[in-house]
Structure formats: structure tokens, C-alpha cells
Amino acid sequence: MADPASDRRPASSRQPGVREVLLVAAIVVVAVLAAAALTAVLPRDAQAVVFHTPLLIGVLVLGTAIVLWRILRAPST
């Protein structure tokens, strides 16, 4: 019987480090703050569209689809 530990592939050299994770986290925080600031300066009618429609759900579905597509299209090593 094969040892389950030996079936695992070694860690990829493409794994992000702490610096990369913090950089991505900072970019996400800045993007959220920018979106909040942009929403705050929109006219009331545009704010109503943002807050009272399923706009966020559409953005999340689209973002998830893009991430999944990129994962599926990633070259296997």
C-alpha cells in the first residue's frame, strides 16, 4: 500500500510569502475604501441603485467567475 504522504507533491516555488500577502491585503483595503468614497460622492439616485439592487451580487458572481476561470486556465506543472 502506498504511503499517503509520499503521494503529495512538493510545495511549489510559486507560493506567496508574507510580503506578497500583505501587499495584496493592502491593495484590497485601498480598493474597498476607494469604492466607499466613490459611492459617497454619487448622487442619491445612483446611491439607491448601489444600495437597493442586487448590484453587489452581480459583482461577486462576476469576480468569482473570473477567479475560477484563471485557476482553470493556469498552466499545470
C-alpha atoms as a PDB file:
ATOM      1  CA  MET A   1       0.000   0.000   0.000  1.00  0.00           C
ATOM      2  CA  ALA A   2       1.333   3.412  -0.914  1.00  0.00           C
ATOM      3  CA  ASP A   3       2.173   5.909   1.801  1.00  0.00           C
ATOM      4  CA  PRO A   4      -0.285   8.855   1.549  1.00  0.00           C
ATOM      5  CA  ALA A   5       2.461  11.314   2.476  1.00  0.00           C
ATOM      6  CA  SER A   6       4.551  10.195  -0.499  1.00  0.00           C
ATOM      7  CA  ASP A   7       1.645  10.920  -2.877  1.00  0.00           C
ATOM      8  CA  ARG A   8       1.739  14.624  -2.049  1.00  0.00           C
ATOM      9  CA  ARG A   9       3.509  16.901  -4.441  1.00  0.00           C
ATOM     10  CA  PRO A  10       6.279  19.118  -3.054  1.00  0.00           C
ATOM     11  CA  ALA A  11       5.408  22.732  -2.293  1.00  0.00           C
ATOM     12  CA  SER A  12       5.556  24.930  -5.340  1.00  0.00           C
ATOM     13  CA  SER A  13       8.185  27.631  -5.564  1.00  0.00           C
ATOM     14  CA  ARG A  14       5.361  29.990  -6.556  1.00  0.00           C
ATOM     15  CA  GLN A  15       3.828  30.126  -3.082  1.00  0.00           C
ATOM     16  CA  PRO A  16       3.436  33.697  -1.900  1.00  0.00           C
ATOM     17  CA  GLY A  17       5.404  34.970   1.056  1.00  0.00           C
ATOM     18  CA  VAL A  18       4.310  37.275   3.833  1.00  0.00           C
ATOM     19  CA  ARG A  19       5.273  40.375   1.835  1.00  0.00           C
ATOM     20  CA  GLU A  20       3.103  39.377  -1.116  1.00  0.00           C
ATOM     21  CA  VAL A  21       0.134  38.548   1.128  1.00  0.00           C
ATOM     22  CA  LEU A  22       0.404  41.916   2.902  1.00  0.00           C
ATOM     23  CA  LEU A  23       0.681  43.707  -0.445  1.00  0.00           C
ATOM     24  CA  VAL A  24      -2.489  42.050  -1.750  1.00  0.00           C
ATOM     25  CA  ALA A  25      -4.283  42.789   1.539  1.00  0.00           C
ATOM     26  CA  ALA A  26      -3.272  46.462   1.328  1.00  0.00           C
ATOM     27  CA  ILE A  27      -4.493  46.668  -2.273  1.00  0.00           C
ATOM     28  CA  VAL A  28      -7.845  45.167  -1.281  1.00  0.00           C
ATOM     29  CA  VAL A  29      -8.242  47.620   1.606  1.00  0.00           C
ATOM     30  CA  VAL A  30      -7.439  50.583  -0.657  1.00  0.00           C
ATOM     31  CA  ALA A  31      -9.887  49.315  -3.290  1.00  0.00           C
ATOM     32  CA  VAL A  32     -12.687  48.971  -0.718  1.00  0.00           C
ATOM     33  CA  LEU A  33     -12.006  52.440   0.679  1.00  0.00           C
ATOM     34  CA  ALA A  34     -11.972  53.891  -2.844  1.00  0.00           C
ATOM     35  CA  ALA A  35     -15.293  52.189  -3.628  1.00  0.00           C
ATOM     36  CA  ALA A  36     -16.810  53.558  -0.420  1.00  0.00           C
ATOM     37  CA  ALA A  37     -15.559  57.074  -1.213  1.00  0.00           C
ATOM     38  CA  LEU A  38     -16.872  56.847  -4.777  1.00  0.00           C
ATOM     39  CA  THR A  39     -20.263  55.674  -3.553  1.00  0.00           C
ATOM     40  CA  ALA A  40     -20.391  58.543  -1.045  1.00  0.00           C
ATOM     41  CA  VAL A  41     -19.968  61.180  -3.769  1.00  0.00           C
ATOM     42  CA  LEU A  42     -22.571  59.660  -6.110  1.00  0.00           C
ATOM     43  CA  PRO A  43     -25.925  61.407  -6.457  1.00  0.00           C
ATOM     44  CA  ARG A  44     -28.779  59.985  -4.341  1.00  0.00           C
ATOM     45  CA  ASP A  45     -30.336  58.158  -7.309  1.00  0.00           C
ATOM     46  CA  ALA A  46     -27.077  56.389  -8.120  1.00  0.00           C
ATOM     47  CA  GLN A  47     -26.597  55.519  -4.453  1.00  0.00           C
ATOM     48  CA  ALA A  48     -30.072  53.985  -4.459  1.00  0.00           C
ATOM     49  CA  VAL A  49     -29.026  51.724  -7.347  1.00  0.00           C
ATOM     50  CA  VAL A  50     -25.951  50.608  -5.417  1.00  0.00           C
ATOM     51  CA  PHE A  51     -27.732  50.035  -2.115  1.00  0.00           C
ATOM     52  CA  HIS A  52     -31.179  48.804  -3.190  1.00  0.00           C
ATOM     53  CA  THR A  53     -30.442  46.478  -6.110  1.00  0.00           C
ATOM     54  CA  PRO A  54     -28.548  43.180  -6.350  1.00  0.00           C
ATOM     55  CA  LEU A  55     -25.563  45.002  -7.892  1.00  0.00           C
ATOM     56  CA  LEU A  56     -23.128  43.600  -5.318  1.00  0.00           C
ATOM     57  CA  ILE A  57     -24.319  40.059  -6.003  1.00  0.00           C
ATOM     58  CA  GLY A  58     -23.598  40.544  -9.698  1.00  0.00           C
ATOM     59  CA  VAL A  59     -20.128  41.907  -8.953  1.00  0.00           C
ATOM     60  CA  LEU A  60     -19.381  38.960  -6.657  1.00  0.00           C
ATOM     61  CA  VAL A  61     -20.610  36.414  -9.219  1.00  0.00           C
ATOM     62  CA  LEU A  62     -18.539  38.036 -11.967  1.00  0.00           C
ATOM     63  CA  GLY A  63     -15.443  38.218  -9.749  1.00  0.00           C
ATOM     64  CA  THR A  64     -15.817  34.586  -8.721  1.00  0.00           C
ATOM     65  CA  ALA A  65     -16.200  33.512 -12.341  1.00  0.00           C
ATOM     66  CA  ILE A  66     -13.026  35.391 -13.312  1.00  0.00           C
ATOM     67  CA  VAL A  67     -11.029  33.845 -10.462  1.00  0.00           C
ATOM     68  CA  LEU A  68     -12.267  30.336 -11.270  1.00  0.00           C
ATOM     69  CA  TRP A  69     -11.505  30.822 -14.971  1.00  0.00           C
ATOM     70  CA  ARG A  70      -7.959  31.914 -14.149  1.00  0.00           C
ATOM     71  CA  ILE A  71      -7.476  28.902 -11.875  1.00  0.00           C
ATOM     72  CA  LEU A  72      -8.727  26.536 -14.572  1.00  0.00           C
ATOM     73  CA  ARG A  73      -6.527  28.159 -17.222  1.00  0.00           C
ATOM     74  CA  ALA A  74      -3.371  28.116 -15.055  1.00  0.00           C
ATOM     75  CA  PRO A  75      -0.609  26.029 -16.579  1.00  0.00           C
ATOM     76  CA  SER A  76      -0.103  22.771 -14.712  1.00  0.00           C
ATOM     77  CA  THR A  77       3.433  21.981 -13.610  1.00  0.00           C
END
